[in-house]
Amino acid sequence: MALLTTEDVLNKKFQYVKFREGYDQDEVDEFLDEVVSTIYSLQMENQDLKEKLEAAERRIAELSNSDFSPAEAPAPAAPVVETPAPAAPALTGPQDAESATSMLALAQRVHDEYVRDGEEQAAKIIAEANAERDSIISDAQKQKDSLLNQLEQERELLENKINGLRTFESEYRTNLRSHLESLLNEVGNGEN
């Protein structure tokens, strides 16, 4: 979608709606969405340009405060095709040695901080994973126990129903047999 221009906003015409007063609400909403998108894009671009400007101003300030003059700046080393190792500037005095030592100490400190932070994060992630694992296992155990309990109750209920049906069947057969025998006796007595 192309960004809106000032002319687009000023010259936008909306369709009138026949059955109610005002403009087509969907058309207005779509246009407002385009306006919002354009404004957001412009704000992001503006923020990016401000950051680049600040970085450039900082770099200019660093270069203007630098002790190096263009004549003192070391010439870049010519690239060696066979050995692509970077050329280190030669240390010429005690100040350069101290600077190099402090840079190495700073690099070591930064390295140690990153390693320590990484180890702390790893320990934290492992602890969280262990806690989550324990929670999942505990939940699964509770769910299993609950399900087994429910199944045991259902089994007992079914066994009780089966026993009740067997008792009913036995009583029904006994009653039916007694009834049939009494009918047979009546039929036998009626023939005599």
C-alpha atoms as a PDB file:
ATOM      1  CA  MET A   1       0.000   0.000   0.000  1.00  0.00           C
ATOM      2  CA  ALA A   2       1.408   3.380  -1.006  1.00  0.00           C
ATOM      3  CA  LEU A   3       1.818   6.035   1.670  1.00  0.00           C
ATOM      4  CA  LEU A   4      -0.772   8.800   1.722  1.00  0.00           C
ATOM      5  CA  THR A   5       0.185  12.274   0.698  1.00  0.00           C
ATOM      6  CA  THR A   6      -1.230  15.517   2.021  1.00  0.00           C
ATOM      7  CA  GLU A   7      -3.120  15.849  -1.272  1.00  0.00           C
ATOM      8  CA  ASP A   8      -4.733  12.408  -0.753  1.00  0.00           C
ATOM      9  CA  VAL A   9      -6.075  13.471   2.637  1.00  0.00           C
ATOM     10  CA  LEU A  10      -7.284  16.880   1.418  1.00  0.00           C
ATOM     11  CA  ASN A  11      -8.912  15.581  -1.776  1.00  0.00           C
ATOM     12  CA  LYS A  12     -10.507  12.366  -0.430  1.00  0.00           C
ATOM     13  CA  LYS A  13     -14.216  12.138  -1.328  1.00  0.00           C
ATOM     14  CA  PHE A  14     -16.560   9.674   0.385  1.00  0.00           C
ATOM     15  CA  GLN A  15     -19.746   8.229  -1.140  1.00  0.00           C
ATOM     16  CA  TYR A  16     -23.032   9.405   0.312  1.00  0.00           C
ATOM     17  CA  VAL A  17     -25.306   6.692   1.645  1.00  0.00           C
ATOM     18  CA  LYS A  18     -28.850   6.690   0.257  1.00  0.00           C
ATOM     19  CA  PHE A  19     -30.844   5.444   3.224  1.00  0.00           C
ATOM     20  CA  ARG A  20     -29.206   7.394   6.037  1.00  0.00           C
ATOM     21  CA  GLU A  21     -27.377  10.656   6.405  1.00  0.00           C
ATOM     22  CA  GLY A  22     -23.600  10.814   6.274  1.00  0.00           C
ATOM     23  CA  TYR A  23     -20.853   8.926   4.521  1.00  0.00           C
ATOM     24  CA  ASP A  24     -20.333   5.218   3.971  1.00  0.00           C
ATOM     25  CA  GLN A  25     -18.934   4.100   7.321  1.00  0.00           C
ATOM     26  CA  ASP A  26     -16.853   1.234   5.875  1.00  0.00           C
ATOM     27  CA  GLU A  27     -15.223   3.578   3.353  1.00  0.00           C
ATOM     28  CA  VAL A  28     -14.409   6.111   6.088  1.00  0.00           C
ATOM     29  CA  ASP A  29     -12.983   3.353   8.311  1.00  0.00           C
ATOM     30  CA  GLU A  30     -10.778   2.041   5.490  1.00  0.00           C
ATOM     31  CA  PHE A  31      -9.470   5.537   4.811  1.00  0.00           C
ATOM     32  CA  LEU A  32      -8.753   6.108   8.494  1.00  0.00           C
ATOM     33  CA  ASP A  33      -6.864   2.785   8.574  1.00  0.00           C
ATOM     34  CA  GLU A  34      -4.701   4.041   5.688  1.00  0.00           C
ATOM     35  CA  VAL A  35      -4.101   7.330   7.517  1.00  0.00           C
ATOM     36  CA  VAL A  36      -3.084   5.500  10.685  1.00  0.00           C
ATOM     37  CA  SER A  37      -0.774   3.172   8.750  1.00  0.00           C
ATOM     38  CA  THR A  38       0.875   6.100   6.982  1.00  0.00           C
ATOM     39  CA  ILE A  39       1.335   8.076  10.190  1.00  0.00           C
ATOM     40  CA  TYR A  40       2.812   5.019  11.915  1.00  0.00           C
ATOM     41  CA  SER A  41       5.253   4.429   9.017  1.00  0.00           C
ATOM     42  CA  LEU A  42       6.293   8.070   9.066  1.00  0.00           C
ATOM     43  CA  GLN A  43       6.790   8.009  12.840  1.00  0.00           C
ATOM     44  CA  MET A  44       8.962   4.891  12.595  1.00  0.00           C
ATOM     45  CA  GLU A  45      11.003   6.435   9.777  1.00  0.00           C
ATOM     46  CA  ASN A  46      11.320   9.681  11.762  1.00  0.00           C
ATOM     47  CA  GLN A  47      12.497   7.766  14.857  1.00  0.00           C
ATOM     48  CA  ASP A  48      15.022   5.821  12.773  1.00  0.00           C
ATOM     49  CA  LEU A  49      16.361   9.016  11.225  1.00  0.00           C
ATOM     50  CA  LYS A  50      16.640  10.660  14.661  1.00  0.00           C
ATOM     51  CA  GLU A  51      18.636   7.700  15.948  1.00  0.00           C
ATOM     52  CA  LYS A  52      20.935   7.820  12.927  1.00  0.00           C
ATOM     53  CA  LEU A  53      21.377  11.576  13.388  1.00  0.00           C
ATOM     54  CA  GLU A  54      22.246  11.137  17.074  1.00  0.00           C
ATOM     55  CA  ALA A  55      24.725   8.389  16.215  1.00  0.00           C
ATOM     56  CA  ALA A  56      26.309  10.595  13.556  1.00  0.00           C
ATOM     57  CA  GLU A  57      26.524  13.536  15.971  1.00  0.00           C
ATOM     58  CA  ARG A  58      28.141  11.305  18.600  1.00  0.00           C
ATOM     59  CA  ARG A  59      30.642  10.044  16.039  1.00  0.00           C
ATOM     60  CA  ILE A  60      31.436  13.608  14.977  1.00  0.00           C
ATOM     61  CA  ALA A  61      31.931  14.582  18.624  1.00  0.00           C
ATOM     62  CA  GLU A  62      34.209  11.574  19.168  1.00  0.00           C
ATOM     63  CA  LEU A  63      36.262  12.412  16.127  1.00  0.00           C
ATOM     64  CA  SER A  64      36.512  16.085  17.031  1.00  0.00           C
ATOM     65  CA  ASN A  65      37.575  15.213  20.621  1.00  0.00           C
ATOM     66  CA  SER A  66      40.034  12.600  19.405  1.00  0.00           C
ATOM     67  CA  ASP A  67      43.745  13.220  19.953  1.00  0.00           C
ATOM     68  CA  PHE A  68      44.518  11.955  16.478  1.00  0.00           C
ATOM     69  CA  SER A  69      45.062  14.352  13.673  1.00  0.00           C
ATOM     70  CA  PRO A  70      44.797  13.157  10.078  1.00  0.00           C
ATOM     71  CA  ALA A  71      48.595  13.247   9.813  1.00  0.00           C
ATOM     72  CA  GLU A  72      48.999  11.005  12.883  1.00  0.00           C
ATOM     73  CA  ALA A  73      46.374   8.453  11.873  1.00  0.00           C
ATOM     74  CA  PRO A  74      47.980   5.146  10.924  1.00  0.00           C
ATOM     75  CA  ALA A  75      47.685   4.221   7.279  1.00  0.00           C
ATOM     76  CA  PRO A  76      45.548   1.141   6.691  1.00  0.00           C
ATOM     77  CA  ALA A  77      47.602  -1.995   6.179  1.00  0.00           C
ATOM     78  CA  ALA A  78      47.597  -3.483   2.708  1.00  0.00           C
ATOM     79  CA  PRO A  79      45.685  -6.754   2.632  1.00  0.00           C
ATOM     80  CA  VAL A  80      47.831  -9.856   2.445  1.00  0.00           C
ATOM     81  CA  VAL A  81      46.277 -12.443   0.220  1.00  0.00           C
ATOM     82  CA  GLU A  82      47.889 -15.533   1.718  1.00  0.00           C
ATOM     83  CA  THR A  83      47.708 -14.616   5.427  1.00  0.00           C
ATOM     84  CA  PRO A  84      44.481 -12.761   6.251  1.00  0.00           C
ATOM     85  CA  ALA A  85      45.468 -11.972   9.863  1.00  0.00           C
ATOM     86  CA  PRO A  86      44.638  -8.396  10.941  1.00  0.00           C
ATOM     87  CA  ALA A  87      47.630  -6.142  11.433  1.00  0.00           C
ATOM     88  CA  ALA A  88      47.946  -4.784  14.981  1.00  0.00           C
ATOM     89  CA  PRO A  89      49.257  -1.222  15.387  1.00  0.00           C
ATOM     90  CA  ALA A  90      52.714  -1.093  16.905  1.00  0.00           C
ATOM     91  CA  LEU A  91      52.923   0.078  20.522  1.00  0.00           C
ATOM     92  CA  THR A  92      55.311   2.991  20.715  1.00  0.00           C
ATOM     93  CA  GLY A  93      55.224   4.180  24.294  1.00  0.00           C
ATOM     94  CA  PRO A  94      54.184   3.469  27.864  1.00  0.00           C
ATOM     95  CA  GLN A  95      50.852   5.232  27.300  1.00  0.00           C
ATOM     96  CA  ASP A  96      50.045   2.864  24.442  1.00  0.00           C
ATOM     97  CA  ALA A  97      51.027  -0.114  26.602  1.00  0.00           C
ATOM     98  CA  GLU A  98      48.789   1.088  29.433  1.00  0.00           C
ATOM     99  CA  SER A  99      45.971   1.676  26.971  1.00  0.00           C
ATOM    100  CA  ALA A 100      46.382  -1.803  25.536  1.00  0.00           C
ATOM    101  CA  THR A 101      46.518  -3.308  29.028  1.00  0.00           C
ATOM    102  CA  SER A 102      43.380  -1.470  30.086  1.00  0.00           C
ATOM    103  CA  MET A 103      41.635  -2.550  26.871  1.00  0.00           C
ATOM    104  CA  LEU A 104      42.586  -6.168  27.547  1.00  0.00           C
ATOM    105  CA  ALA A 105      41.381  -5.872  31.148  1.00  0.00           C
ATOM    106  CA  LEU A 106      38.122  -4.334  29.945  1.00  0.00           C
ATOM    107  CA  ALA A 107      37.697  -7.079  27.351  1.00  0.00           C
ATOM    108  CA  GLN A 108      38.355  -9.718  30.015  1.00  0.00           C
ATOM    109  CA  ARG A 109      35.815  -8.091  32.379  1.00  0.00           C
ATOM    110  CA  VAL A 110      33.189  -7.929  29.642  1.00  0.00           C
ATOM    111  CA  HIS A 111      33.906 -11.550  28.731  1.00  0.00           C
ATOM    112  CA  ASP A 112      33.629 -12.635  32.373  1.00  0.00           C
ATOM    113  CA  GLU A 113      30.348 -10.729  32.756  1.00  0.00           C
ATOM    114  CA  TYR A 114      28.897 -12.375  29.658  1.00  0.00           C
ATOM    115  CA  VAL A 115      30.001 -15.813  30.834  1.00  0.00           C
ATOM    116  CA  ARG A 116      28.580 -15.202  34.330  1.00  0.00           C
ATOM    117  CA  ASP A 117      25.316 -13.860  32.890  1.00  0.00           C
ATOM    118  CA  GLY A 118      25.103 -16.835  30.542  1.00  0.00           C
ATOM    119  CA  GLU A 119      25.694 -19.291  33.381  1.00  0.00           C
ATOM    120  CA  GLU A 120      23.096 -17.528  35.541  1.00  0.00           C
ATOM    121  CA  GLN A 121      20.575 -17.593  32.706  1.00  0.00           C
ATOM    122  CA  ALA A 122      21.321 -21.258  32.036  1.00  0.00           C
ATOM    123  CA  ALA A 123      20.857 -22.098  35.727  1.00  0.00           C
ATOM    124  CA  LYS A 124      17.617 -20.104  35.810  1.00  0.00           C
ATOM    125  CA  ILE A 125      16.286 -21.807  32.672  1.00  0.00           C
ATOM    126  CA  ILE A 126      17.219 -25.238  34.044  1.00  0.00           C
ATOM    127  CA  ALA A 127      15.552 -24.452  37.390  1.00  0.00           C
ATOM    128  CA  GLU A 128      12.399 -23.249  35.620  1.00  0.00           C
ATOM    129  CA  ALA A 129      12.377 -26.342  33.401  1.00  0.00           C
ATOM    130  CA  ASN A 130      12.804 -28.607  36.437  1.00  0.00           C
ATOM    131  CA  ALA A 131       9.996 -26.815  38.283  1.00  0.00           C
ATOM    132  CA  GLU A 132       7.735 -27.085  35.245  1.00  0.00           C
ATOM    133  CA  ARG A 133       8.634 -30.776  34.849  1.00  0.00           C
ATOM    134  CA  ASP A 134       7.830 -31.425  38.521  1.00  0.00           C
ATOM    135  CA  SER A 135       4.553 -29.539  38.177  1.00  0.00           C
ATOM    136  CA  ILE A 136       3.587 -31.512  35.070  1.00  0.00           C
ATOM    137  CA  ILE A 137       4.479 -34.811  36.762  1.00  0.00           C
ATOM    138  CA  SER A 138       2.528 -33.831  39.879  1.00  0.00           C
ATOM    139  CA  ASP A 139      -0.503 -32.802  37.814  1.00  0.00           C
ATOM    140  CA  ALA A 140      -0.320 -36.029  35.806  1.00  0.00           C
ATOM    141  CA  GLN A 141      -0.077 -38.078  39.023  1.00  0.00           C
ATOM    142  CA  LYS A 142      -3.087 -36.263  40.508  1.00  0.00           C
ATOM    143  CA  GLN A 143      -5.042 -36.767  37.304  1.00  0.00           C
ATOM    144  CA  LYS A 144      -4.085 -40.464  37.216  1.00  0.00           C
ATOM    145  CA  ASP A 145      -5.096 -40.942  40.863  1.00  0.00           C
ATOM    146  CA  SER A 146      -8.381 -39.147  40.285  1.00  0.00           C
ATOM    147  CA  LEU A 147      -9.110 -41.214  37.187  1.00  0.00           C
ATOM    148  CA  LEU A 148      -8.242 -44.483  38.946  1.00  0.00           C
ATOM    149  CA  ASN A 149     -10.441 -43.479  41.880  1.00  0.00           C
ATOM    150  CA  GLN A 150     -13.307 -42.674  39.537  1.00  0.00           C
ATOM    151  CA  LEU A 151     -12.849 -45.967  37.650  1.00  0.00           C
ATOM    152  CA  GLU A 152     -12.778 -47.901  40.941  1.00  0.00           C
ATOM    153  CA  GLN A 153     -16.041 -46.249  42.009  1.00  0.00           C
ATOM    154  CA  GLU A 154     -17.618 -47.035  38.635  1.00  0.00           C
ATOM    155  CA  ARG A 155     -16.404 -50.661  38.873  1.00  0.00           C
ATOM    156  CA  GLU A 156     -17.948 -51.033  42.335  1.00  0.00           C
ATOM    157  CA  LEU A 157     -21.182 -49.481  41.091  1.00  0.00           C
ATOM    158  CA  LEU A 158     -21.292 -51.879  38.117  1.00  0.00           C
ATOM    159  CA  GLU A 159     -20.534 -54.875  40.353  1.00  0.00           C
ATOM    160  CA  ASN A 160     -23.382 -53.832  42.666  1.00  0.00           C
ATOM    161  CA  LYS A 161     -25.721 -53.524  39.673  1.00  0.00           C
ATOM    162  CA  ILE A 162     -24.622 -56.940  38.375  1.00  0.00           C
ATOM    163  CA  ASN A 163     -25.182 -58.509  41.790  1.00  0.00           C
ATOM    164  CA  GLY A 164     -28.564 -56.789  42.016  1.00  0.00           C
ATOM    165  CA  LEU A 165     -29.516 -58.109  38.571  1.00  0.00           C
ATOM    166  CA  ARG A 166     -28.395 -61.644  39.487  1.00  0.00           C
ATOM    167  CA  THR A 167     -30.470 -61.516  42.675  1.00  0.00           C
ATOM    168  CA  PHE A 168     -33.442 -60.187  40.700  1.00  0.00           C
ATOM    169  CA  GLU A 169     -32.996 -62.933  38.073  1.00  0.00           C
ATOM    170  CA  SER A 170     -32.801 -65.658  40.739  1.00  0.00           C
ATOM    171  CA  GLU A 171     -35.886 -64.363  42.547  1.00  0.00           C
ATOM    172  CA  TYR A 172     -37.737 -63.931  39.253  1.00  0.00           C
ATOM    173  CA  ARG A 173     -36.940 -67.510  38.183  1.00  0.00           C
ATOM    174  CA  THR A 174     -38.014 -68.837  41.577  1.00  0.00           C
ATOM    175  CA  ASN A 175     -41.279 -66.877  41.441  1.00  0.00           C
ATOM    176  CA  LEU A 176     -41.881 -67.894  37.819  1.00  0.00           C
ATOM    177  CA  ARG A 177     -41.225 -71.563  38.604  1.00  0.00           C
ATOM    178  CA  SER A 178     -43.590 -71.413  41.590  1.00  0.00           C
ATOM    179  CA  HIS A 179     -46.257 -69.728  39.491  1.00  0.00           C
ATOM    180  CA  LEU A 180     -45.898 -72.268  36.649  1.00  0.00           C
ATOM    181  CA  GLU A 181     -46.009 -75.184  39.104  1.00  0.00           C
ATOM    182  CA  SER A 182     -49.173 -73.816  40.694  1.00  0.00           C
ATOM    183  CA  LEU A 183     -50.731 -73.421  37.239  1.00  0.00           C
ATOM    184  CA  LEU A 184     -49.776 -77.001  36.350  1.00  0.00           C
ATOM    185  CA  ASN A 185     -51.267 -78.237  39.629  1.00  0.00           C
ATOM    186  CA  GLU A 186     -54.510 -76.394  38.901  1.00  0.00           C
ATOM    187  CA  VAL A 187     -54.639 -77.835  35.391  1.00  0.00           C
ATOM    188  CA  GLY A 188     -53.902 -81.319  36.788  1.00  0.00           C
ATOM    189  CA  ASN A 189     -56.599 -80.955  39.464  1.00  0.00           C
ATOM    190  CA  GLY A 190     -59.098 -79.675  36.922  1.00  0.00           C
ATOM    191  CA  GLU A 191     -58.711 -82.808  34.729  1.00  0.00           C
ATOM    192  CA  ASN A 192     -59.464 -85.174  37.582  1.00  0.00           C
END
